[in-house]
Amino acid sequence: MTKVKEEKAIKEDAGATETGVTEKSYLELIANMNPIANPLATKKLSKKLYKCVKKASKLKQIRRGVKEVQKFINKGETGIVVLAGDTLPIDVYCHLPVMCEDRSLPYAYIPSKVDLGLSAGSKRPTCVIMIKSHEDYKEAYDACFDEVSALPKPL
């Protein structure tokens, strides 16, 4: 390649993705959802949940991963459970919504495990996170808690 073509290719790549990662739209992410992903958070609620996860992770107020979340649900810890809807196989975490309903914990599905992991400050995708309440982000937590609680539960 000539120098001019290389510079053009670099500019096109930089223009397409400023962060280096191609972002998918909300509708594209919903196309890859599991059939059990219900109640699904809206686009607006998903953004609120990502922000709440980011604030909680800075203060170490999250539980990340199926094993850890399951352990603390069994111990009686409370919070908002956020599940990724694009996790395969479904058997990995299909028991968590039932556990949340038994203990009356609010839970919601969001479209992407990659975005959930990034919002938690990790490079690894995460399929489930529990957000615990804290005084520093109480307003954001309460808003998310109310909206997630208001989502219709599956039959």
C-alpha atoms as a PDB file:
ATOM      1  CA  MET A   1       0.000   0.000   0.000  1.00  0.00           C
ATOM      2  CA  THR A   2       1.096   3.491  -0.622  1.00  0.00           C
ATOM      3  CA  LYS A   3       1.438   5.994   2.148  1.00  0.00           C
ATOM      4  CA  VAL A   4      -1.666   7.904   1.048  1.00  0.00           C
ATOM      5  CA  LYS A   5      -3.851   4.783   1.074  1.00  0.00           C
ATOM      6  CA  GLU A   6      -2.539   3.781   4.519  1.00  0.00           C
ATOM      7  CA  GLU A   7      -3.378   7.200   5.958  1.00  0.00           C
ATOM      8  CA  LYS A   8      -6.866   7.017   4.423  1.00  0.00           C
ATOM      9  CA  ALA A   9      -7.443   3.559   5.908  1.00  0.00           C
ATOM     10  CA  ILE A  10      -6.294   4.716   9.338  1.00  0.00           C
ATOM     11  CA  LYS A  11      -8.595   7.776   9.210  1.00  0.00           C
ATOM     12  CA  GLU A  12     -11.577   5.612   8.196  1.00  0.00           C
ATOM     13  CA  ASP A  13     -10.903   3.161  11.024  1.00  0.00           C
ATOM     14  CA  ALA A  14     -10.527   5.986  13.538  1.00  0.00           C
ATOM     15  CA  GLY A  15     -13.694   7.653  12.298  1.00  0.00           C
ATOM     16  CA  ALA A  16     -15.760   4.488  12.557  1.00  0.00           C
ATOM     17  CA  THR A  17     -14.735   3.696  16.110  1.00  0.00           C
ATOM     18  CA  GLU A  18     -13.305   6.293  18.420  1.00  0.00           C
ATOM     19  CA  THR A  19     -12.982   3.855  21.312  1.00  0.00           C
ATOM     20  CA  GLY A  20     -11.613   1.009  19.234  1.00  0.00           C
ATOM     21  CA  VAL A  21     -14.740  -1.128  19.715  1.00  0.00           C
ATOM     22  CA  THR A  22     -17.680  -1.215  17.346  1.00  0.00           C
ATOM     23  CA  GLU A  23     -20.814  -0.495  19.325  1.00  0.00           C
ATOM     24  CA  LYS A  24     -24.053  -2.218  18.446  1.00  0.00           C
ATOM     25  CA  SER A  25     -27.402  -0.523  18.654  1.00  0.00           C
ATOM     26  CA  TYR A  26     -29.999  -1.556  21.219  1.00  0.00           C
ATOM     27  CA  LEU A  27     -32.098  -3.272  18.537  1.00  0.00           C
ATOM     28  CA  GLU A  28     -29.128  -5.305  17.289  1.00  0.00           C
ATOM     29  CA  LEU A  29     -28.410  -6.441  20.836  1.00  0.00           C
ATOM     30  CA  ILE A  30     -32.042  -7.450  21.410  1.00  0.00           C
ATOM     31  CA  ALA A  31     -31.874  -9.710  18.341  1.00  0.00           C
ATOM     32  CA  ASN A  32     -29.404 -11.972  20.208  1.00  0.00           C
ATOM     33  CA  MET A  33     -31.464 -12.338  23.390  1.00  0.00           C
ATOM     34  CA  ASN A  34     -32.373 -15.609  25.127  1.00  0.00           C
ATOM     35  CA  PRO A  35     -36.001 -16.707  25.173  1.00  0.00           C
ATOM     36  CA  ILE A  36     -36.066 -16.531  29.002  1.00  0.00           C
ATOM     37  CA  ALA A  37     -34.868 -12.901  29.132  1.00  0.00           C
ATOM     38  CA  ASN A  38     -37.994 -11.445  30.687  1.00  0.00           C
ATOM     39  CA  PRO A  39     -38.487  -8.770  32.159  1.00  0.00           C
ATOM     40  CA  LEU A  40     -36.249  -6.906  29.747  1.00  0.00           C
ATOM     41  CA  ALA A  41     -35.096  -3.433  30.711  1.00  0.00           C
ATOM     42  CA  THR A  42     -35.880  -0.645  28.270  1.00  0.00           C
ATOM     43  CA  LYS A  43     -33.086   1.251  26.566  1.00  0.00           C
ATOM     44  CA  LYS A  44     -33.407   4.108  29.054  1.00  0.00           C
ATOM     45  CA  LEU A  45     -33.478   1.787  32.079  1.00  0.00           C
ATOM     46  CA  SER A  46     -30.489  -0.157  30.726  1.00  0.00           C
ATOM     47  CA  LYS A  47     -28.436   3.037  30.648  1.00  0.00           C
ATOM     48  CA  LYS A  48     -29.493   3.869  34.208  1.00  0.00           C
ATOM     49  CA  LEU A  49     -28.511   0.379  35.352  1.00  0.00           C
ATOM     50  CA  TYR A  50     -25.110   0.615  33.623  1.00  0.00           C
ATOM     51  CA  LYS A  51     -24.465   3.937  35.393  1.00  0.00           C
ATOM     52  CA  CYS A  52     -25.554   2.525  38.738  1.00  0.00           C
ATOM     53  CA  VAL A  53     -23.286  -0.522  38.251  1.00  0.00           C
ATOM     54  CA  LYS A  54     -20.387   1.792  37.396  1.00  0.00           C
ATOM     55  CA  LYS A  55     -20.926   3.879  40.560  1.00  0.00           C
ATOM     56  CA  ALA A  56     -21.307   0.764  42.711  1.00  0.00           C
ATOM     57  CA  SER A  57     -18.184  -0.877  41.296  1.00  0.00           C
ATOM     58  CA  LYS A  58     -16.077   2.167  42.202  1.00  0.00           C
ATOM     59  CA  LEU A  59     -17.198   1.733  45.816  1.00  0.00           C
ATOM     60  CA  LYS A  60     -16.881  -2.093  45.713  1.00  0.00           C
ATOM     61  CA  GLN A  61     -20.628  -2.513  46.295  1.00  0.00           C
ATOM     62  CA  ILE A  62     -21.318  -5.148  43.620  1.00  0.00           C
ATOM     63  CA  ARG A  63     -21.389  -8.923  43.500  1.00  0.00           C
ATOM     64  CA  ARG A  64     -20.233 -10.255  40.146  1.00  0.00           C
ATOM     65  CA  GLY A  65     -20.730 -13.685  38.620  1.00  0.00           C
ATOM     66  CA  VAL A  66     -23.235 -16.491  39.037  1.00  0.00           C
ATOM     67  CA  LYS A  67     -21.462 -18.231  41.900  1.00  0.00           C
ATOM     68  CA  GLU A  68     -20.939 -15.104  44.003  1.00  0.00           C
ATOM     69  CA  VAL A  69     -24.429 -13.681  43.406  1.00  0.00           C
ATOM     70  CA  GLN A  70     -26.056 -17.032  44.191  1.00  0.00           C
ATOM     71  CA  LYS A  71     -24.079 -17.337  47.424  1.00  0.00           C
ATOM     72  CA  PHE A  72     -25.097 -13.888  48.663  1.00  0.00           C
ATOM     73  CA  ILE A  73     -28.750 -14.319  47.643  1.00  0.00           C
ATOM     74  CA  ASN A  74     -28.788 -17.488  49.757  1.00  0.00           C
ATOM     75  CA  LYS A  75     -27.207 -15.565  52.647  1.00  0.00           C
ATOM     76  CA  GLY A  76     -30.031 -13.020  52.485  1.00  0.00           C
ATOM     77  CA  GLU A  77     -28.240 -10.021  50.989  1.00  0.00           C
ATOM     78  CA  THR A  78     -30.505  -7.517  49.221  1.00  0.00           C
ATOM     79  CA  GLY A  79     -30.006  -5.479  46.085  1.00  0.00           C
ATOM     80  CA  ILE A  80     -30.881  -5.231  42.408  1.00  0.00           C
ATOM     81  CA  VAL A  81     -29.941  -8.263  40.315  1.00  0.00           C
ATOM     82  CA  VAL A  82     -28.970  -7.432  36.736  1.00  0.00           C
ATOM     83  CA  LEU A  83     -28.785 -10.364  34.308  1.00  0.00           C
ATOM     84  CA  ALA A  84     -27.366 -10.349  30.783  1.00  0.00           C
ATOM     85  CA  GLY A  85     -29.846 -11.604  28.221  1.00  0.00           C
ATOM     86  CA  ASP A  86     -27.316 -12.883  25.681  1.00  0.00           C
ATOM     87  CA  THR A  87     -25.692 -15.541  27.870  1.00  0.00           C
ATOM     88  CA  LEU A  88     -25.473 -19.044  26.435  1.00  0.00           C
ATOM     89  CA  PRO A  89     -26.135 -21.750  27.536  1.00  0.00           C
ATOM     90  CA  ILE A  90     -29.214 -20.630  29.456  1.00  0.00           C
ATOM     91  CA  ASP A  91     -28.655 -23.355  32.067  1.00  0.00           C
ATOM     92  CA  VAL A  92     -25.780 -21.357  33.526  1.00  0.00           C
ATOM     93  CA  TYR A  93     -28.048 -18.854  35.250  1.00  0.00           C
ATOM     94  CA  CYS A  94     -31.686 -19.852  34.658  1.00  0.00           C
ATOM     95  CA  HIS A  95     -32.167 -20.624  38.379  1.00  0.00           C
ATOM     96  CA  LEU A  96     -31.360 -17.067  39.533  1.00  0.00           C
ATOM     97  CA  PRO A  97     -34.700 -15.407  38.594  1.00  0.00           C
ATOM     98  CA  VAL A  98     -36.532 -18.050  40.640  1.00  0.00           C
ATOM     99  CA  MET A  99     -34.275 -17.380  43.623  1.00  0.00           C
ATOM    100  CA  CYS A 100     -34.865 -13.632  43.254  1.00  0.00           C
ATOM    101  CA  GLU A 101     -38.644 -14.092  43.152  1.00  0.00           C
ATOM    102  CA  ASP A 102     -38.568 -16.329  46.240  1.00  0.00           C
ATOM    103  CA  ARG A 103     -36.692 -13.641  48.195  1.00  0.00           C
ATOM    104  CA  SER A 104     -38.616 -10.759  46.524  1.00  0.00           C
ATOM    105  CA  LEU A 105     -35.490  -9.193  45.027  1.00  0.00           C
ATOM    106  CA  PRO A 106     -35.975  -7.023  41.935  1.00  0.00           C
ATOM    107  CA  TYR A 107     -34.238  -8.292  38.816  1.00  0.00           C
ATOM    108  CA  ALA A 108     -34.050  -7.285  35.167  1.00  0.00           C
ATOM    109  CA  TYR A 109     -32.386  -8.479  32.001  1.00  0.00           C
ATOM    110  CA  ILE A 110     -30.224  -6.211  29.900  1.00  0.00           C
ATOM    111  CA  PRO A 111     -29.165  -6.988  26.323  1.00  0.00           C
ATOM    112  CA  SER A 112     -25.378  -7.381  26.569  1.00  0.00           C
ATOM    113  CA  LYS A 113     -23.011  -9.216  28.906  1.00  0.00           C
ATOM    114  CA  VAL A 114     -20.067  -7.359  27.348  1.00  0.00           C
ATOM    115  CA  ASP A 115     -21.557  -3.968  28.260  1.00  0.00           C
ATOM    116  CA  LEU A 116     -22.390  -5.245  31.750  1.00  0.00           C
ATOM    117  CA  GLY A 117     -18.790  -6.333  32.286  1.00  0.00           C
ATOM    118  CA  LEU A 118     -17.433  -3.030  30.984  1.00  0.00           C
ATOM    119  CA  SER A 119     -19.703  -1.002  33.241  1.00  0.00           C
ATOM    120  CA  ALA A 120     -18.432  -3.036  36.204  1.00  0.00           C
ATOM    121  CA  GLY A 121     -14.869  -2.039  35.364  1.00  0.00           C
ATOM    122  CA  SER A 122     -13.823  -5.385  33.919  1.00  0.00           C
ATOM    123  CA  LYS A 123     -12.596  -6.418  30.492  1.00  0.00           C
ATOM    124  CA  ARG A 124     -14.384  -9.756  30.869  1.00  0.00           C
ATOM    125  CA  PRO A 125     -18.065 -10.134  30.023  1.00  0.00           C
ATOM    126  CA  THR A 126     -20.255 -10.726  33.066  1.00  0.00           C
ATOM    127  CA  CYS A 127     -23.599 -12.499  32.951  1.00  0.00           C
ATOM    128  CA  VAL A 128     -24.986 -11.423  36.337  1.00  0.00           C
ATOM    129  CA  ILE A 129     -24.333  -8.617  38.839  1.00  0.00           C
ATOM    130  CA  MET A 130     -25.998  -7.694  42.113  1.00  0.00           C
ATOM    131  CA  ILE A 131     -25.949  -3.990  42.979  1.00  0.00           C
ATOM    132  CA  LYS A 132     -25.984  -3.298  46.728  1.00  0.00           C
ATOM    133  CA  SER A 133     -27.348  -0.091  48.199  1.00  0.00           C
ATOM    134  CA  HIS A 134     -24.955   2.635  49.381  1.00  0.00           C
ATOM    135  CA  GLU A 135     -25.333   6.205  50.609  1.00  0.00           C
ATOM    136  CA  ASP A 136     -23.077   7.746  47.912  1.00  0.00           C
ATOM    137  CA  TYR A 137     -25.340   6.748  45.012  1.00  0.00           C
ATOM    138  CA  LYS A 138     -28.630   6.382  46.901  1.00  0.00           C
ATOM    139  CA  GLU A 139     -30.680   8.485  44.419  1.00  0.00           C
ATOM    140  CA  ALA A 140     -29.569   6.516  41.355  1.00  0.00           C
ATOM    141  CA  TYR A 141     -30.048   3.227  43.210  1.00  0.00           C
ATOM    142  CA  ASP A 142     -33.557   4.139  44.373  1.00  0.00           C
ATOM    143  CA  ALA A 143     -34.589   5.245  40.870  1.00  0.00           C
ATOM    144  CA  CYS A 144     -33.316   1.963  39.385  1.00  0.00           C
ATOM    145  CA  PHE A 145     -34.894  -0.053  42.223  1.00  0.00           C
ATOM    146  CA  ASP A 146     -38.319   1.509  41.632  1.00  0.00           C
ATOM    147  CA  GLU A 147     -38.196   1.052  37.859  1.00  0.00           C
ATOM    148  CA  VAL A 148     -36.944  -2.546  38.022  1.00  0.00           C
ATOM    149  CA  SER A 149     -39.583  -3.388  40.644  1.00  0.00           C
ATOM    150  CA  ALA A 150     -42.281  -1.945  38.378  1.00  0.00           C
ATOM    151  CA  LEU A 151     -41.326  -4.196  35.448  1.00  0.00           C
ATOM    152  CA  PRO A 152     -43.915  -6.940  34.780  1.00  0.00           C
ATOM    153  CA  LYS A 153     -42.755 -10.340  35.997  1.00  0.00           C
ATOM    154  CA  PRO A 154     -43.028 -13.396  33.710  1.00  0.00           C
ATOM    155  CA  LEU A 155     -45.727 -15.956  34.389  1.00  0.00           C
END
